[in-house]
Amino acid sequence: MKKTSVFIKTMLVLLLEVLFTQCNNSCNRWICVPEENMEISLEFQSNSSFVDVKTDPDPLSSNYANVYLFTNGTRLKRSNDTLYYWENNQQIPAGFIIKEESDSQMKLFSFGLFFPDVNFYVLDYLFVRDN
C-alpha cells in the first residue's frame, strides 16, 4: 500500500511539472493588434523578469498616423505591475503600467515618456494571451 501511495505521489508531481513547464513555454506570449496587419507581441521569459518585444511589420507603420511605443527588439523588465524599458543593462524610468491583468487580457498604459504635440501617440494597449 505504501509503495502505491509513493508511486501515485511521484506520478502526480511529474505530471504537475510537465504541465507547469508547458505553460511556461506556451503561456508567456501576449499579442496586441492595434491596426489591421499589425502585431505587437510581448514574450515573458521563463524564470526571468525580462520581456522581449517583437513587432510585425518592423518597424510598425500606421495607416492612421498613429505612433506606437513598441519597437522590435526592445527589452522590458517587469517589476510588480510595471514594465520598464531596459537599455544598456539599465532600467529606464519609463515604460508601461499594467492597469488590468487576467488570464486572457492585459491592459498597459504608458508612463515616463514625453511627446511632442505633432503626432498621435498611442498610450493605451490591450494585449491578449496567445496560447
N, C-alpha and C. Protein backbone atom coordinates (compact mmCIF):
# COMPACT_ATOMS: atom_id res chain seq x y z
N MET A 1 0.82 -1.19 0.00
CA MET A 1 0.00 0.00 0.00
C MET A 1 0.87 1.26 0.00
N LYS A 2 1.95 1.24 0.80
CA LYS A 2 2.81 2.40 0.90
C LYS A 2 3.54 2.67 -0.42
N LYS A 3 3.98 1.60 -1.12
CA LYS A 3 4.64 1.76 -2.41
C LYS A 3 3.70 2.37 -3.43
N THR A 4 2.44 1.97 -3.39
CA THR A 4 1.44 2.52 -4.31
C THR A 4 1.23 4.00 -4.05
N SER A 5 1.17 4.39 -2.80
CA SER A 5 0.98 5.79 -2.44
C SER A 5 2.17 6.64 -2.90
N VAL A 6 3.37 6.14 -2.70
CA VAL A 6 4.58 6.86 -3.13
C VAL A 6 4.59 6.98 -4.66
N PHE A 7 4.21 5.90 -5.33
CA PHE A 7 4.16 5.92 -6.80
C PHE A 7 3.16 6.97 -7.29
N ILE A 8 1.98 7.00 -6.70
CA ILE A 8 0.95 7.95 -7.10
C ILE A 8 1.42 9.38 -6.86
N LYS A 9 2.04 9.64 -5.71
CA LYS A 9 2.55 10.98 -5.42
C LYS A 9 3.64 11.37 -6.41
N THR A 10 4.52 10.44 -6.72
CA THR A 10 5.60 10.71 -7.68
C THR A 10 5.03 11.04 -9.05
N MET A 11 4.05 10.25 -9.48
CA MET A 11 3.43 10.49 -10.79
C MET A 11 2.71 11.84 -10.82
N LEU A 12 2.05 12.18 -9.73
CA LEU A 12 1.35 13.45 -9.65
C LEU A 12 2.34 14.62 -9.74
N VAL A 13 3.44 14.53 -9.03
CA VAL A 13 4.47 15.57 -9.08
C VAL A 13 5.03 15.70 -10.50
N LEU A 14 5.31 14.58 -11.14
CA LEU A 14 5.83 14.62 -12.52
C LEU A 14 4.82 15.24 -13.48
N LEU A 15 3.56 14.87 -13.32
CA LEU A 15 2.51 15.43 -14.18
C LEU A 15 2.40 16.94 -13.98
N LEU A 16 2.43 17.41 -12.74
CA LEU A 16 2.36 18.84 -12.47
C LEU A 16 3.58 19.57 -13.03
N GLU A 17 4.75 18.97 -12.95
CA GLU A 17 5.95 19.58 -13.51
C GLU A 17 5.84 19.72 -15.02
N VAL A 18 5.32 18.69 -15.69
CA VAL A 18 5.15 18.75 -17.14
C VAL A 18 4.15 19.84 -17.51
N LEU A 19 3.03 19.90 -16.81
CA LEU A 19 2.03 20.94 -17.09
C LEU A 19 2.59 22.33 -16.84
N PHE A 20 3.33 22.50 -15.75
CA PHE A 20 3.92 23.80 -15.44
C PHE A 20 4.95 24.20 -16.50
N THR A 21 5.77 23.26 -16.91
CA THR A 21 6.77 23.54 -17.93
C THR A 21 6.11 23.91 -19.25
N GLN A 22 5.07 23.19 -19.64
CA GLN A 22 4.37 23.51 -20.88
C GLN A 22 3.76 24.90 -20.80
N CYS A 23 3.18 25.26 -19.66
CA CYS A 23 2.59 26.58 -19.51
C CYS A 23 3.67 27.65 -19.57
N ASN A 24 4.80 27.41 -18.94
CA ASN A 24 5.90 28.39 -19.00
C ASN A 24 6.38 28.59 -20.43
N ASN A 25 6.35 27.52 -21.22
CA ASN A 25 6.84 27.63 -22.59
C ASN A 25 5.80 28.17 -23.55
N SER A 26 4.51 28.04 -23.23
CA SER A 26 3.50 28.45 -24.18
C SER A 26 2.56 29.53 -23.66
N CYS A 27 2.59 29.84 -22.40
CA CYS A 27 1.63 30.79 -21.82
C CYS A 27 2.27 32.13 -21.51
N ASN A 28 3.37 32.43 -22.14
CA ASN A 28 4.06 33.67 -21.80
C ASN A 28 4.07 34.67 -22.95
N ARG A 29 3.26 34.45 -23.94
CA ARG A 29 3.23 35.35 -25.10
C ARG A 29 1.91 36.11 -25.13
N TRP A 30 2.01 37.42 -25.27
CA TRP A 30 0.85 38.29 -25.31
C TRP A 30 0.88 39.07 -26.61
N ILE A 31 -0.30 39.25 -27.24
CA ILE A 31 -0.40 39.88 -28.55
C ILE A 31 -1.33 41.09 -28.49
N CYS A 32 -0.92 42.16 -29.16
CA CYS A 32 -1.76 43.34 -29.36
C CYS A 32 -1.84 43.58 -30.87
N VAL A 33 -3.05 43.78 -31.37
CA VAL A 33 -3.25 44.10 -32.78
C VAL A 33 -3.86 45.49 -32.83
N PRO A 34 -3.00 46.52 -32.89
CA PRO A 34 -3.51 47.90 -32.83
C PRO A 34 -4.23 48.34 -34.11
N GLU A 35 -3.85 47.76 -35.23
CA GLU A 35 -4.48 48.04 -36.52
C GLU A 35 -4.42 46.77 -37.35
N GLU A 36 -5.20 46.75 -38.42
CA GLU A 36 -5.17 45.62 -39.33
C GLU A 36 -3.76 45.45 -39.88
N ASN A 37 -3.32 44.20 -39.94
CA ASN A 37 -1.99 43.84 -40.47
C ASN A 37 -0.84 44.37 -39.62
N MET A 38 -1.09 44.58 -38.33
CA MET A 38 -0.04 44.98 -37.39
C MET A 38 -0.13 44.09 -36.17
N GLU A 39 1.03 43.79 -35.58
CA GLU A 39 1.03 42.98 -34.37
C GLU A 39 2.21 43.37 -33.49
N ILE A 40 1.92 43.49 -32.20
CA ILE A 40 2.96 43.70 -31.19
C ILE A 40 2.89 42.48 -30.29
N SER A 41 4.00 41.81 -30.10
CA SER A 41 3.99 40.66 -29.19
C SER A 41 5.00 40.87 -28.07
N LEU A 42 4.59 40.47 -26.89
CA LEU A 42 5.45 40.50 -25.71
C LEU A 42 5.72 39.07 -25.29
N GLU A 43 6.98 38.72 -25.19
CA GLU A 43 7.40 37.38 -24.78
C GLU A 43 7.99 37.47 -23.38
N PHE A 44 7.23 37.01 -22.38
CA PHE A 44 7.71 36.99 -21.00
C PHE A 44 8.62 35.78 -20.84
N GLN A 45 9.88 36.03 -20.49
CA GLN A 45 10.86 34.97 -20.39
C GLN A 45 10.66 34.14 -19.11
N SER A 46 10.68 32.83 -19.26
CA SER A 46 10.55 31.93 -18.11
C SER A 46 11.71 32.14 -17.15
N ASN A 47 11.41 32.07 -15.87
CA ASN A 47 12.42 32.19 -14.81
C ASN A 47 13.21 33.50 -14.88
N SER A 48 12.57 34.55 -15.38
CA SER A 48 13.23 35.84 -15.52
C SER A 48 12.17 36.93 -15.46
N SER A 49 12.61 38.14 -15.19
CA SER A 49 11.68 39.27 -15.19
C SER A 49 11.72 40.03 -16.52
N PHE A 50 12.45 39.50 -17.50
CA PHE A 50 12.59 40.18 -18.78
C PHE A 50 11.49 39.83 -19.76
N VAL A 51 11.18 40.81 -20.61
CA VAL A 51 10.14 40.69 -21.62
C VAL A 51 10.73 41.17 -22.94
N ASP A 52 10.64 40.36 -23.97
CA ASP A 52 11.14 40.74 -25.29
C ASP A 52 9.99 41.20 -26.17
N VAL A 53 10.23 42.27 -26.92
CA VAL A 53 9.21 42.86 -27.79
C VAL A 53 9.50 42.49 -29.24
N LYS A 54 8.46 42.05 -29.94
CA LYS A 54 8.56 41.80 -31.38
C LYS A 54 7.41 42.53 -32.05
N THR A 55 7.68 43.11 -33.20
CA THR A 55 6.64 43.81 -33.94
C THR A 55 6.59 43.28 -35.37
N ASP A 56 5.41 43.31 -35.94
CA ASP A 56 5.22 42.93 -37.33
C ASP A 56 4.20 43.89 -37.92
N PRO A 57 4.59 44.70 -38.87
CA PRO A 57 5.90 44.77 -39.52
C PRO A 57 6.94 45.44 -38.62
N ASP A 58 8.17 45.38 -39.06
CA ASP A 58 9.27 46.02 -38.35
C ASP A 58 9.91 47.02 -39.31
N PRO A 59 9.84 48.30 -39.03
CA PRO A 59 9.17 48.96 -37.91
C PRO A 59 7.67 49.08 -38.16
N LEU A 60 6.94 49.31 -37.06
CA LEU A 60 5.49 49.49 -37.16
C LEU A 60 5.21 50.73 -37.99
N SER A 61 4.23 50.64 -38.86
CA SER A 61 3.86 51.76 -39.70
C SER A 61 2.34 51.85 -39.73
N SER A 62 1.80 52.93 -39.18
CA SER A 62 0.37 53.10 -39.03
C SER A 62 -0.28 53.64 -40.29
N ASN A 63 -1.48 53.17 -40.57
CA ASN A 63 -2.28 53.71 -41.67
C ASN A 63 -2.96 55.01 -41.27
N TYR A 64 -2.93 55.33 -39.98
CA TYR A 64 -3.68 56.48 -39.46
C TYR A 64 -2.78 57.50 -38.77
N ALA A 65 -1.50 57.47 -39.03
CA ALA A 65 -0.51 58.39 -38.45
C ALA A 65 -0.33 58.19 -36.94
N ASN A 66 -0.75 57.04 -36.42
CA ASN A 66 -0.52 56.73 -35.00
C ASN A 66 0.94 56.37 -34.78
N VAL A 67 1.44 56.70 -33.61
CA VAL A 67 2.79 56.31 -33.23
C VAL A 67 2.67 55.35 -32.05
N TYR A 68 3.18 54.13 -32.26
CA TYR A 68 3.12 53.10 -31.23
C TYR A 68 4.45 53.05 -30.49
N LEU A 69 4.38 52.82 -29.20
CA LEU A 69 5.56 52.92 -28.33
C LEU A 69 6.33 51.62 -28.18
N PHE A 70 6.20 50.74 -29.16
CA PHE A 70 6.92 49.48 -29.14
C PHE A 70 7.80 49.39 -30.37
N THR A 71 9.03 48.92 -30.16
CA THR A 71 9.99 48.75 -31.26
C THR A 71 10.50 47.33 -31.22
N ASN A 72 10.58 46.71 -32.36
CA ASN A 72 11.08 45.35 -32.46
C ASN A 72 12.47 45.25 -31.83
N GLY A 73 12.66 44.24 -31.00
CA GLY A 73 13.95 44.03 -30.35
C GLY A 73 14.12 44.73 -29.02
N THR A 74 13.15 45.55 -28.64
CA THR A 74 13.22 46.22 -27.34
C THR A 74 13.09 45.19 -26.23
N ARG A 75 13.74 45.46 -25.13
CA ARG A 75 13.63 44.59 -23.96
C ARG A 75 13.01 45.41 -22.83
N LEU A 76 12.06 44.78 -22.14
CA LEU A 76 11.42 45.37 -20.98
C LEU A 76 11.75 44.52 -19.77
N LYS A 77 11.62 45.11 -18.59
CA LYS A 77 11.83 44.36 -17.36
C LYS A 77 10.62 44.57 -16.46
N ARG A 78 10.04 43.44 -16.02
CA ARG A 78 8.85 43.52 -15.18
C ARG A 78 9.24 43.63 -13.71
N SER A 79 8.58 44.57 -13.04
CA SER A 79 8.70 44.73 -11.59
C SER A 79 7.30 44.98 -11.07
N ASN A 80 6.74 43.98 -10.40
CA ASN A 80 5.36 44.04 -9.91
C ASN A 80 4.39 44.34 -11.05
N ASP A 81 3.70 45.48 -11.00
CA ASP A 81 2.71 45.80 -12.04
C ASP A 81 3.25 46.79 -13.07
N THR A 82 4.57 46.80 -13.26
CA THR A 82 5.18 47.76 -14.18
C THR A 82 6.18 47.07 -15.10
N LEU A 83 6.15 47.46 -16.38
CA LEU A 83 7.15 47.03 -17.35
C LEU A 83 8.02 48.23 -17.67
N TYR A 84 9.29 48.16 -17.32
CA TYR A 84 10.23 49.26 -17.55
C TYR A 84 11.04 48.98 -18.81
N TYR A 85 11.37 50.03 -19.57
CA TYR A 85 12.31 49.87 -20.67
C TYR A 85 13.66 49.50 -20.07
N TRP A 86 14.39 48.63 -20.76
CA TRP A 86 15.69 48.15 -20.32
C TRP A 86 16.68 48.40 -21.45
N GLU A 87 17.62 49.29 -21.24
CA GLU A 87 18.61 49.64 -22.27
C GLU A 87 20.00 49.68 -21.65
N ASN A 88 20.98 49.16 -22.38
CA ASN A 88 22.38 49.16 -21.94
C ASN A 88 22.52 48.62 -20.51
N ASN A 89 21.83 47.52 -20.25
CA ASN A 89 21.86 46.87 -18.93
C ASN A 89 21.40 47.77 -17.81
N GLN A 90 20.50 48.71 -18.12
CA GLN A 90 19.97 49.60 -17.10
C GLN A 90 18.46 49.75 -17.28
N GLN A 91 17.80 49.86 -16.14
CA GLN A 91 16.36 50.12 -16.15
C GLN A 91 16.12 51.61 -16.38
N ILE A 92 15.28 51.93 -17.33
CA ILE A 92 14.94 53.32 -17.67
C ILE A 92 13.64 53.68 -16.93
N PRO A 93 13.53 54.89 -16.37
CA PRO A 93 12.32 55.27 -15.62
C PRO A 93 11.13 55.62 -16.52
N ALA A 94 10.85 54.72 -17.45
CA ALA A 94 9.71 54.88 -18.36
C ALA A 94 9.29 53.48 -18.79
N GLY A 95 8.04 53.36 -19.18
CA GLY A 95 7.56 52.07 -19.63
C GLY A 95 6.05 52.00 -19.61
N PHE A 96 5.53 50.92 -19.03
CA PHE A 96 4.09 50.67 -19.04
C PHE A 96 3.62 50.15 -17.69
N ILE A 97 2.54 50.71 -17.23
CA ILE A 97 1.88 50.21 -16.02
C ILE A 97 0.83 49.21 -16.46
N ILE A 98 0.82 48.06 -15.81
CA ILE A 98 -0.21 47.06 -16.09
C ILE A 98 -1.44 47.47 -15.29
N LYS A 99 -2.43 48.00 -16.00
CA LYS A 99 -3.65 48.51 -15.36
C LYS A 99 -4.59 47.38 -14.94
N GLU A 100 -4.64 46.35 -15.75
CA GLU A 100 -5.55 45.24 -15.50
C GLU A 100 -4.92 44.00 -16.09
N GLU A 101 -5.03 42.91 -15.36
CA GLU A 101 -4.47 41.67 -15.88
C GLU A 101 -5.36 40.52 -15.46
N SER A 102 -5.70 39.66 -16.41
CA SER A 102 -6.45 38.45 -16.13
C SER A 102 -5.72 37.30 -16.84
N ASP A 103 -6.32 36.14 -16.85
CA ASP A 103 -5.71 35.01 -17.54
C ASP A 103 -5.65 35.22 -19.05
N SER A 104 -6.53 36.09 -19.57
CA SER A 104 -6.60 36.23 -21.01
C SER A 104 -6.30 37.63 -21.54
N GLN A 105 -6.33 38.66 -20.68
CA GLN A 105 -6.11 40.02 -21.15
C GLN A 105 -5.20 40.80 -20.22
N MET A 106 -4.50 41.77 -20.82
CA MET A 106 -3.63 42.65 -20.06
C MET A 106 -3.71 44.04 -20.69
N LYS A 107 -4.05 45.05 -19.87
CA LYS A 107 -4.11 46.43 -20.35
C LYS A 107 -2.88 47.17 -19.86
N LEU A 108 -2.19 47.84 -20.78
CA LEU A 108 -0.99 48.60 -20.45
C LEU A 108 -1.22 50.07 -20.72
N PHE A 109 -0.64 50.93 -19.86
CA PHE A 109 -0.70 52.37 -20.03
C PHE A 109 0.71 52.92 -19.92
N SER A 110 1.13 53.71 -20.89
CA SER A 110 2.48 54.26 -20.93
C SER A 110 2.70 55.31 -19.85
N PHE A 111 3.93 55.39 -19.34
CA PHE A 111 4.31 56.45 -18.41
C PHE A 111 5.78 56.82 -18.64
N GLY A 112 6.14 58.02 -18.25
CA GLY A 112 7.53 58.45 -18.22
C GLY A 112 8.12 58.94 -19.52
N LEU A 113 7.36 58.92 -20.60
CA LEU A 113 7.87 59.42 -21.87
C LEU A 113 7.21 60.76 -22.17
N PHE A 114 7.96 61.64 -22.81
CA PHE A 114 7.43 62.95 -23.16
C PHE A 114 7.31 63.03 -24.67
N PHE A 115 6.17 63.56 -25.13
CA PHE A 115 5.87 63.54 -26.55
C PHE A 115 5.67 64.93 -27.10
N PRO A 116 6.21 65.18 -28.29
CA PRO A 116 5.88 66.44 -28.97
C PRO A 116 4.41 66.38 -29.41
N ASP A 117 3.82 67.52 -29.65
CA ASP A 117 2.40 67.59 -29.99
C ASP A 117 2.11 67.31 -31.46
N VAL A 118 3.08 66.90 -32.23
CA VAL A 118 2.88 66.78 -33.68
C VAL A 118 2.30 65.44 -34.11
N ASN A 119 2.40 64.39 -33.30
CA ASN A 119 1.93 63.06 -33.70
C ASN A 119 0.85 62.54 -32.76
N PHE A 120 0.24 61.47 -33.16
CA PHE A 120 -0.78 60.81 -32.37
C PHE A 120 -0.15 59.61 -31.66
N TYR A 121 0.35 59.83 -30.46
CA TYR A 121 0.98 58.77 -29.70
C TYR A 121 -0.09 57.93 -29.01
N VAL A 122 0.01 56.61 -29.17
CA VAL A 122 -0.93 55.69 -28.54
C VAL A 122 -0.36 55.32 -27.19
N LEU A 123 -1.10 55.62 -26.12
CA LEU A 123 -0.62 55.40 -24.76
C LEU A 123 -1.23 54.17 -24.10
N ASP A 124 -2.40 53.73 -24.57
CA ASP A 124 -3.10 52.57 -24.01
C ASP A 124 -3.03 51.40 -24.96
N TYR A 125 -2.81 50.19 -24.41
CA TYR A 125 -2.71 48.99 -25.22
C TYR A 125 -3.47 47.85 -24.55
N LEU A 126 -4.14 47.06 -25.35
CA LEU A 126 -4.82 45.86 -24.86
C LEU A 126 -4.14 44.66 -25.48
N PHE A 127 -3.58 43.81 -24.65
CA PHE A 127 -2.93 42.57 -25.11
C PHE A 127 -3.79 41.38 -24.70
N VAL A 128 -3.80 40.36 -25.53
CA VAL A 128 -4.49 39.11 -25.22
C VAL A 128 -3.46 38.00 -25.20
N ARG A 129 -3.71 37.03 -24.36
CA ARG A 129 -2.78 35.90 -24.23
C ARG A 129 -2.83 35.06 -25.51
N ASP A 130 -1.67 34.67 -25.98
CA ASP A 130 -1.55 33.84 -27.17
C ASP A 130 -1.15 32.44 -26.72
N ASN A 131 -2.12 31.53 -26.72
CA ASN A 131 -1.84 30.14 -26.29
C ASN A 131 -1.65 29.23 -27.46
